[in-house]
Amino acid sequence: METSQKVTVQTTVQAPVEKVWKFWTEPAHITKWNTASDEWHTPIAENDLQVGGKFHSRMEAKDASFGFDFDGVYDEVKLHEVIAYSLGDGRKVQILFKGQNNETEIIETFDPETTNPIELQQQGWQAILDNFKKYTEQTPL
């Protein structure tokens, strides 16, 4: 498997960038949208959104059959524009926020891990992003 390949997922959220940023970064919201399917949930989310700050979330199957931690350290944070971080295993992730009027394009690029097929990883990350879009568009500030 080619490990230098980057994977990109994206969506456009019908909400201003200020709301998108808030819902993306605040733990109270992260626990509501950070899942790829209805069978999963994120019971724990912690976030210190600054360069050198750490984040942690726990994703678990609702039937408690499986779960994993998602941890990293922020490399770059530009309010309403970009978040970049390094995962615990050294992989890099960058999220761009492009707000215009009442919509925000989110472009997320990440280094794939080597365990699962890239297509599966892309589908999983896209599903989480789609869930974020749905949650953000349906939830008032």
Foldseek 3Di string as FASTA:
>chain_A
DDQVDKAKAKDKAQAFLVLLQCLVADFVNCQVQQFLDPQKTWPDWDHDPDQQTKIKIKMAGVVRPDIDMWMWGWHDDDPSAKTKTATPVGKIKIWGWDGDDRMIMIMIMIRDDDPDDPVVVNSSVNSSVVSSSVCSNPDDD
